[in-house]
Amino acid sequence: MCLAVPMEITAIHDKIADVEIGGVTRQVRLELIDAAPAVGDYVIVHAGFAIRRLDREDAIETIKLFQEGLNLELL
């Protein structure tokens, strides 16, 4: 099973972003997003790519659902 996870952008280096959730940092590619994201934006991440931007409220709501469903502490 694969999950697409909302993560916050903490840095951008050309077409690569550093993203974070629950203290875990990853690098993801940005080529699949239409508009250029900014540091502080939330993106849905799947298989090493940011595939969609989310507004903060939707991202937090989704993260809370992950926490409840998987019994994780992500925020």
PDB file of N, CA and C in Angstrom:
ATOM      1  N   MET A   1       0.840  -1.172   0.000  1.00  0.00           N
ATOM      2  CA  MET A   1       0.000   0.000   0.000  1.00  0.00           C
ATOM      3  C   MET A   1       0.888   1.240   0.000  1.00  0.00           C
ATOM      4  N   CYS A   2       0.550   2.196  -0.823  1.00  0.00           N
ATOM      5  CA  CYS A   2       1.286   3.459  -0.894  1.00  0.00           C
ATOM      6  C   CYS A   2       0.417   4.579  -0.343  1.00  0.00           C
ATOM      7  N   LEU A   3       1.039   5.494   0.354  1.00  0.00           N
ATOM      8  CA  LEU A   3       0.336   6.658   0.885  1.00  0.00           C
ATOM      9  C   LEU A   3       0.928   7.922   0.301  1.00  0.00           C
ATOM     10  N   ALA A   4       0.074   8.877   0.019  1.00  0.00           N
ATOM     11  CA  ALA A   4       0.520  10.222  -0.341  1.00  0.00           C
ATOM     12  C   ALA A   4       0.369  11.060   0.922  1.00  0.00           C
ATOM     13  N   VAL A   5       1.450  11.674   1.358  1.00  0.00           N
ATOM     14  CA  VAL A   5       1.508  12.313   2.670  1.00  0.00           C
ATOM     15  C   VAL A   5       1.670  13.820   2.537  1.00  0.00           C
ATOM     16  N   PRO A   6       0.893  14.609   3.304  1.00  0.00           N
ATOM     17  CA  PRO A   6       1.113  16.054   3.307  1.00  0.00           C
ATOM     18  C   PRO A   6       2.354  16.393   4.127  1.00  0.00           C
ATOM     19  N   MET A   7       3.237  17.206   3.551  1.00  0.00           N
ATOM     20  CA  MET A   7       4.463  17.609   4.230  1.00  0.00           C
ATOM     21  C   MET A   7       4.685  19.097   4.006  1.00  0.00           C
ATOM     22  N   GLU A   8       5.360  19.739   4.953  1.00  0.00           N
ATOM     23  CA  GLU A   8       5.638  21.177   4.859  1.00  0.00           C
ATOM     24  C   GLU A   8       6.997  21.407   4.209  1.00  0.00           C
ATOM     25  N   ILE A   9       7.041  22.351   3.272  1.00  0.00           N
ATOM     26  CA  ILE A   9       8.301  22.711   2.624  1.00  0.00           C
ATOM     27  C   ILE A   9       9.121  23.574   3.578  1.00  0.00           C
ATOM     28  N   THR A  10      10.369  23.147   3.827  1.00  0.00           N
ATOM     29  CA  THR A  10      11.247  23.899   4.723  1.00  0.00           C
ATOM     30  C   THR A  10      12.370  24.610   3.981  1.00  0.00           C
ATOM     31  N   ALA A  11      12.654  24.185   2.754  1.00  0.00           N
ATOM     32  CA  ALA A  11      13.680  24.835   1.924  1.00  0.00           C
ATOM     33  C   ALA A  11      13.449  24.423   0.478  1.00  0.00           C
ATOM     34  N   ILE A  12      13.872  25.298  -0.440  1.00  0.00           N
ATOM     35  CA  ILE A  12      13.761  25.000  -1.865  1.00  0.00           C
ATOM     36  C   ILE A  12      15.110  25.266  -2.523  1.00  0.00           C
ATOM     37  N   HIS A  13      15.553  24.300  -3.323  1.00  0.00           N
ATOM     38  CA  HIS A  13      16.810  24.391  -4.067  1.00  0.00           C
ATOM     39  C   HIS A  13      16.497  24.053  -5.515  1.00  0.00           C
ATOM     40  N   ASP A  14      16.218  25.064  -6.332  1.00  0.00           N
ATOM     41  CA  ASP A  14      15.853  24.877  -7.735  1.00  0.00           C
ATOM     42  C   ASP A  14      14.589  24.025  -7.833  1.00  0.00           C
ATOM     43  N   LYS A  15      14.656  22.816  -8.340  1.00  0.00           N
ATOM     44  CA  LYS A  15      13.479  21.947  -8.509  1.00  0.00           C
ATOM     45  C   LYS A  15      13.385  20.868  -7.430  1.00  0.00           C
ATOM     46  N   ILE A  16      14.112  21.058  -6.333  1.00  0.00           N
ATOM     47  CA  ILE A  16      14.112  20.115  -5.208  1.00  0.00           C
ATOM     48  C   ILE A  16      13.696  20.879  -3.953  1.00  0.00           C
ATOM     49  N   ALA A  17      12.822  20.262  -3.154  1.00  0.00           N
ATOM     50  CA  ALA A  17      12.413  20.879  -1.892  1.00  0.00           C
ATOM     51  C   ALA A  17      12.745  19.950  -0.738  1.00  0.00           C
ATOM     52  N   ASP A  18      13.148  20.537   0.382  1.00  0.00           N
ATOM     53  CA  ASP A  18      13.233  19.806   1.637  1.00  0.00           C
ATOM     54  C   ASP A  18      11.851  19.910   2.263  1.00  0.00           C
ATOM     55  N   VAL A  19      11.287  18.764   2.665  1.00  0.00           N
ATOM     56  CA  VAL A  19       9.964  18.742   3.281  1.00  0.00           C
ATOM     57  C   VAL A  19      10.054  18.013   4.608  1.00  0.00           C
ATOM     58  N   GLU A  20       9.105  18.305   5.518  1.00  0.00           N
ATOM     59  CA  GLU A  20       9.178  17.753   6.865  1.00  0.00           C
ATOM     60  C   GLU A  20       7.789  17.411   7.370  1.00  0.00           C
ATOM     61  N   ILE A  21       7.730  16.319   8.121  1.00  0.00           N
ATOM     62  CA  ILE A  21       6.542  15.966   8.899  1.00  0.00           C
ATOM     63  C   ILE A  21       6.999  15.152  10.103  1.00  0.00           C
ATOM     64  N   GLY A  22       6.533  15.520  11.266  1.00  0.00           N
ATOM     65  CA  GLY A  22       6.838  14.765  12.477  1.00  0.00           C
ATOM     66  C   GLY A  22       8.314  14.588  12.751  1.00  0.00           C
ATOM     67  N   GLY A  23       9.133  15.578  12.372  1.00  0.00           N
ATOM     68  CA  GLY A  23      10.566  15.501  12.602  1.00  0.00           C
ATOM     69  C   GLY A  23      11.339  14.733  11.538  1.00  0.00           C
ATOM     70  N   VAL A  24      10.638  14.195  10.544  1.00  0.00           N
ATOM     71  CA  VAL A  24      11.280  13.467   9.444  1.00  0.00           C
ATOM     72  C   VAL A  24      11.405  14.406   8.251  1.00  0.00           C
ATOM     73  N   THR A  25      12.617  14.532   7.718  1.00  0.00           N
ATOM     74  CA  THR A  25      12.875  15.406   6.570  1.00  0.00           C
ATOM     75  C   THR A  25      13.232  14.558   5.361  1.00  0.00           C
ATOM     76  N   ARG A  26      12.711  14.947   4.220  1.00  0.00           N
ATOM     77  CA  ARG A  26      13.001  14.281   2.948  1.00  0.00           C
ATOM     78  C   ARG A  26      13.226  15.338   1.882  1.00  0.00           C
ATOM     79  N   GLN A  27      13.825  14.938   0.781  1.00  0.00           N
ATOM     80  CA  GLN A  27      13.911  15.799  -0.395  1.00  0.00           C
ATOM     81  C   GLN A  27      12.953  15.260  -1.443  1.00  0.00           C
ATOM     82  N   VAL A  28      12.211  16.170  -2.077  1.00  0.00           N
ATOM     83  CA  VAL A  28      11.257  15.777  -3.114  1.00  0.00           C
ATOM     84  C   VAL A  28      11.428  16.666  -4.333  1.00  0.00           C
ATOM     85  N   ARG A  29      11.053  16.144  -5.475  1.00  0.00           N
ATOM     86  CA  ARG A  29      11.112  16.886  -6.737  1.00  0.00           C
ATOM     87  C   ARG A  29       9.831  17.694  -6.890  1.00  0.00           C
ATOM     88  N   LEU A  30       9.951  18.858  -7.552  1.00  0.00           N
ATOM     89  CA  LEU A  30       8.833  19.797  -7.668  1.00  0.00           C
ATOM     90  C   LEU A  30       8.254  19.914  -9.078  1.00  0.00           C
ATOM     91  N   GLU A  31       8.741  19.167 -10.034  1.00  0.00           N
ATOM     92  CA  GLU A  31       8.332  19.345 -11.425  1.00  0.00           C
ATOM     93  C   GLU A  31       6.849  19.102 -11.689  1.00  0.00           C
ATOM     94  N   LEU A  32       6.168  18.356 -10.843  1.00  0.00           N
ATOM     95  CA  LEU A  32       4.766  18.022 -11.096  1.00  0.00           C
ATOM     96  C   LEU A  32       3.777  19.060 -10.578  1.00  0.00           C
ATOM     97  N   ILE A  33       4.267  20.083  -9.888  1.00  0.00           N
ATOM     98  CA  ILE A  33       3.383  21.128  -9.356  1.00  0.00           C
ATOM     99  C   ILE A  33       3.339  22.282 -10.348  1.00  0.00           C
ATOM    100  N   ASP A  34       2.112  22.749 -10.666  1.00  0.00           N
ATOM    101  CA  ASP A  34       1.936  23.817 -11.657  1.00  0.00           C
ATOM    102  C   ASP A  34       2.585  25.133 -11.235  1.00  0.00           C
ATOM    103  N   ALA A  35       2.154  25.671 -10.115  1.00  0.00           N
ATOM    104  CA  ALA A  35       2.666  26.963  -9.645  1.00  0.00           C
ATOM    105  C   ALA A  35       3.829  26.724  -8.683  1.00  0.00           C
ATOM    106  N   ALA A  36       4.802  27.612  -8.718  1.00  0.00           N
ATOM    107  CA  ALA A  36       5.979  27.467  -7.858  1.00  0.00           C
ATOM    108  C   ALA A  36       5.579  27.553  -6.386  1.00  0.00           C
ATOM    109  N   PRO A  37       5.911  26.538  -5.592  1.00  0.00           N
ATOM    110  CA  PRO A  37       5.614  26.586  -4.163  1.00  0.00           C
ATOM    111  C   PRO A  37       6.628  27.453  -3.427  1.00  0.00           C
ATOM    112  N   ALA A  38       6.310  27.772  -2.190  1.00  0.00           N
ATOM    113  CA  ALA A  38       7.182  28.588  -1.349  1.00  0.00           C
ATOM    114  C   ALA A  38       7.458  27.850  -0.042  1.00  0.00           C
ATOM    115  N   VAL A  39       8.514  28.252   0.632  1.00  0.00           N
ATOM    116  CA  VAL A  39       8.808  27.718   1.956  1.00  0.00           C
ATOM    117  C   VAL A  39       7.601  27.997   2.849  1.00  0.00           C
ATOM    118  N   GLY A  40       7.176  26.987   3.597  1.00  0.00           N
ATOM    119  CA  GLY A  40       6.002  27.101   4.455  1.00  0.00           C
ATOM    120  C   GLY A  40       4.748  26.519   3.830  1.00  0.00           C
ATOM    121  N   ASP A  41       4.755  26.313   2.511  1.00  0.00           N
ATOM    122  CA  ASP A  41       3.622  25.667   1.848  1.00  0.00           C
ATOM    123  C   ASP A  41       3.586  24.192   2.222  1.00  0.00           C
ATOM    124  N   TYR A  42       2.401  23.617   2.137  1.00  0.00           N
ATOM    125  CA  TYR A  42       2.236  22.179   2.312  1.00  0.00           C
ATOM    126  C   TYR A  42       2.002  21.546   0.953  1.00  0.00           C
ATOM    127  N   VAL A  43       2.598  20.373   0.749  1.00  0.00           N
ATOM    128  CA  VAL A  43       2.427  19.634  -0.498  1.00  0.00           C
ATOM    129  C   VAL A  43       2.115  18.176  -0.174  1.00  0.00           C
ATOM    130  N   ILE A  44       1.391  17.538  -1.080  1.00  0.00           N
ATOM    131  CA  ILE A  44       1.180  16.097  -0.997  1.00  0.00           C
ATOM    132  C   ILE A  44       2.391  15.442  -1.653  1.00  0.00           C
ATOM    133  N   VAL A  45       3.020  14.508  -0.938  1.00  0.00           N
ATOM    134  CA  VAL A  45       4.237  13.852  -1.419  1.00  0.00           C
ATOM    135  C   VAL A  45       3.949  12.376  -1.669  1.00  0.00           C
ATOM    136  N   HIS A  46       4.379  11.909  -2.849  1.00  0.00           N
ATOM    137  CA  HIS A  46       4.247  10.493  -3.198  1.00  0.00           C
ATOM    138  C   HIS A  46       5.431  10.089  -4.066  1.00  0.00           C
ATOM    139  N   ALA A  47       6.101   9.034  -3.673  1.00  0.00           N
ATOM    140  CA  ALA A  47       7.195   8.450  -4.452  1.00  0.00           C
ATOM    141  C   ALA A  47       8.273   9.464  -4.823  1.00  0.00           C
ATOM    142  N   GLY A  48       8.597  10.355  -3.877  1.00  0.00           N
ATOM    143  CA  GLY A  48       9.680  11.305  -4.103  1.00  0.00           C
ATOM    144  C   GLY A  48       9.307  12.557  -4.863  1.00  0.00           C
ATOM    145  N   PHE A  49       8.017  12.730  -5.152  1.00  0.00           N
ATOM    146  CA  PHE A  49       7.543  13.913  -5.871  1.00  0.00           C
ATOM    147  C   PHE A  49       6.473  14.631  -5.064  1.00  0.00           C
ATOM    148  N   ALA A  50       6.532  15.961  -5.081  1.00  0.00           N
ATOM    149  CA  ALA A  50       5.413  16.767  -4.597  1.00  0.00           C
ATOM    150  C   ALA A  50       4.399  16.771  -5.737  1.00  0.00           C
ATOM    151  N   ILE A  51       3.184  16.296  -5.467  1.00  0.00           N
ATOM    152  CA  ILE A  51       2.215  16.149  -6.554  1.00  0.00           C
ATOM    153  C   ILE A  51       1.086  17.170  -6.507  1.00  0.00           C
ATOM    154  N   ARG A  52       0.948  17.875  -5.380  1.00  0.00           N
ATOM    155  CA  ARG A  52      -0.124  18.871  -5.268  1.00  0.00           C
ATOM    156  C   ARG A  52       0.126  19.755  -4.061  1.00  0.00           C
ATOM    157  N   ARG A  53      -0.185  21.053  -4.201  1.00  0.00           N
ATOM    158  CA  ARG A  53      -0.130  21.947  -3.039  1.00  0.00           C
ATOM    159  C   ARG A  53      -1.438  21.851  -2.275  1.00  0.00           C
ATOM    160  N   LEU A  54      -1.352  22.043  -0.968  1.00  0.00           N
ATOM    161  CA  LEU A  54      -2.523  22.072  -0.089  1.00  0.00           C
ATOM    162  C   LEU A  54      -2.504  23.364   0.700  1.00  0.00           C
ATOM    163  N   ASP A  55      -3.697  23.873   1.026  1.00  0.00           N
ATOM    164  CA  ASP A  55      -3.684  24.991   1.961  1.00  0.00           C
ATOM    165  C   ASP A  55      -3.433  24.428   3.357  1.00  0.00           C
ATOM    166  N   ARG A  56      -2.972  25.294   4.240  1.00  0.00           N
ATOM    167  CA  ARG A  56      -2.551  24.864   5.579  1.00  0.00           C
ATOM    168  C   ARG A  56      -3.656  24.109   6.320  1.00  0.00           C
ATOM    169  N   GLU A  57      -4.892  24.601   6.252  1.00  0.00           N
ATOM    170  CA  GLU A  57      -5.994  23.978   6.984  1.00  0.00           C
ATOM    171  C   GLU A  57      -6.242  22.547   6.504  1.00  0.00           C
ATOM    172  N   ASP A  58      -6.262  22.340   5.190  1.00  0.00           N
ATOM    173  CA  ASP A  58      -6.458  20.991   4.648  1.00  0.00           C
ATOM    174  C   ASP A  58      -5.303  20.072   5.029  1.00  0.00           C
ATOM    175  N   ALA A  59      -4.090  20.597   4.994  1.00  0.00           N
ATOM    176  CA  ALA A  59      -2.922  19.788   5.350  1.00  0.00           C
ATOM    177  C   ALA A  59      -2.993  19.346   6.809  1.00  0.00           C
ATOM    178  N   ILE A  60      -3.294  20.275   7.707  1.00  0.00           N
ATOM    179  CA  ILE A  60      -3.368  19.947   9.136  1.00  0.00           C
ATOM    180  C   ILE A  60      -4.479  18.935   9.390  1.00  0.00           C
ATOM    181  N   GLU A  61      -5.625  19.116   8.749  1.00  0.00           N
ATOM    182  CA  GLU A  61      -6.741  18.175   8.908  1.00  0.00           C
ATOM    183  C   GLU A  61      -6.334  16.770   8.441  1.00  0.00           C
ATOM    184  N   THR A  62      -5.659  16.693   7.310  1.00  0.00           N
ATOM    185  CA  THR A  62      -5.215  15.399   6.782  1.00  0.00           C
ATOM    186  C   THR A  62      -4.180  14.757   7.699  1.00  0.00           C
ATOM    187  N   ILE A  63      -3.244  15.548   8.197  1.00  0.00           N
ATOM    188  CA  ILE A  63      -2.231  15.026   9.120  1.00  0.00           C
ATOM    189  C   ILE A  63      -2.894  14.485  10.384  1.00  0.00           C
ATOM    190  N   LYS A  64      -3.896  15.183  10.900  1.00  0.00           N
ATOM    191  CA  LYS A  64      -4.611  14.702  12.090  1.00  0.00           C
ATOM    192  C   LYS A  64      -5.306  13.373  11.820  1.00  0.00           C
ATOM    193  N   LEU A  65      -5.868  13.203  10.617  1.00  0.00           N
ATOM    194  CA  LEU A  65      -6.493  11.925  10.255  1.00  0.00           C
ATOM    195  C   LEU A  65      -5.459  10.800  10.221  1.00  0.00           C
ATOM    196  N   PHE A  66      -4.271  11.077   9.683  1.00  0.00           N
ATOM    197  CA  PHE A  66      -3.189  10.091   9.694  1.00  0.00           C
ATOM    198  C   PHE A  66      -2.836   9.729  11.133  1.00  0.00           C
ATOM    199  N   GLN A  67      -2.720  10.736  11.994  1.00  0.00           N
ATOM    200  CA  GLN A  67      -2.356  10.494  13.393  1.00  0.00           C
ATOM    201  C   GLN A  67      -3.364   9.585  14.071  1.00  0.00           C
ATOM    202  N   GLU A  68      -4.659   9.887  13.867  1.00  0.00           N
ATOM    203  CA  GLU A  68      -5.709   9.094  14.510  1.00  0.00           C
ATOM    204  C   GLU A  68      -5.767   7.681  13.943  1.00  0.00           C
ATOM    205  N   GLY A  69      -5.711   7.564  12.617  1.00  0.00           N
ATOM    206  CA  GLY A  69      -5.852   6.264  11.978  1.00  0.00           C
ATOM    207  C   GLY A  69      -4.660   5.350  12.174  1.00  0.00           C
ATOM    208  N   LEU A  70      -3.478   5.924  12.259  1.00  0.00           N
ATOM    209  CA  LEU A  70      -2.257   5.123  12.374  1.00  0.00           C
ATOM    210  C   LEU A  70      -1.626   5.201  13.756  1.00  0.00           C
ATOM    211  N   ASN A  71      -2.268   5.946  14.664  1.00  0.00           N
ATOM    212  CA  ASN A  71      -1.769   6.111  16.026  1.00  0.00           C
ATOM    213  C   ASN A  71      -0.338   6.648  16.027  1.00  0.00           C
ATOM    214  N   LEU A  72      -0.124   7.742  15.284  1.00  0.00           N
ATOM    215  CA  LEU A  72       1.183   8.382  15.173  1.00  0.00           C
ATOM    216  C   LEU A  72       1.133   9.782  15.751  1.00  0.00           C
ATOM    217  N   GLU A  73       2.285  10.306  16.130  1.00  0.00           N
ATOM    218  CA  GLU A  73       2.391  11.695  16.562  1.00  0.00           C
ATOM    219  C   GLU A  73       3.182  12.453  15.503  1.00  0.00           C
ATOM    220  N   LEU A  74       2.475  13.248  14.677  1.00  0.00           N
ATOM    221  CA  LEU A  74       3.107  13.926  13.551  1.00  0.00           C
ATOM    222  C   LEU A  74       3.143  15.436  13.697  1.00  0.00           C
ATOM    223  N   LEU A  75       2.326  16.002  14.545  1.00  0.00           N
ATOM    224  CA  LEU A  75       2.311  17.461  14.725  1.00  0.00           C
ATOM    225  C   LEU A  75       2.954  17.839  16.039  1.00  0.00           C
TER     226      LEU A  75
END
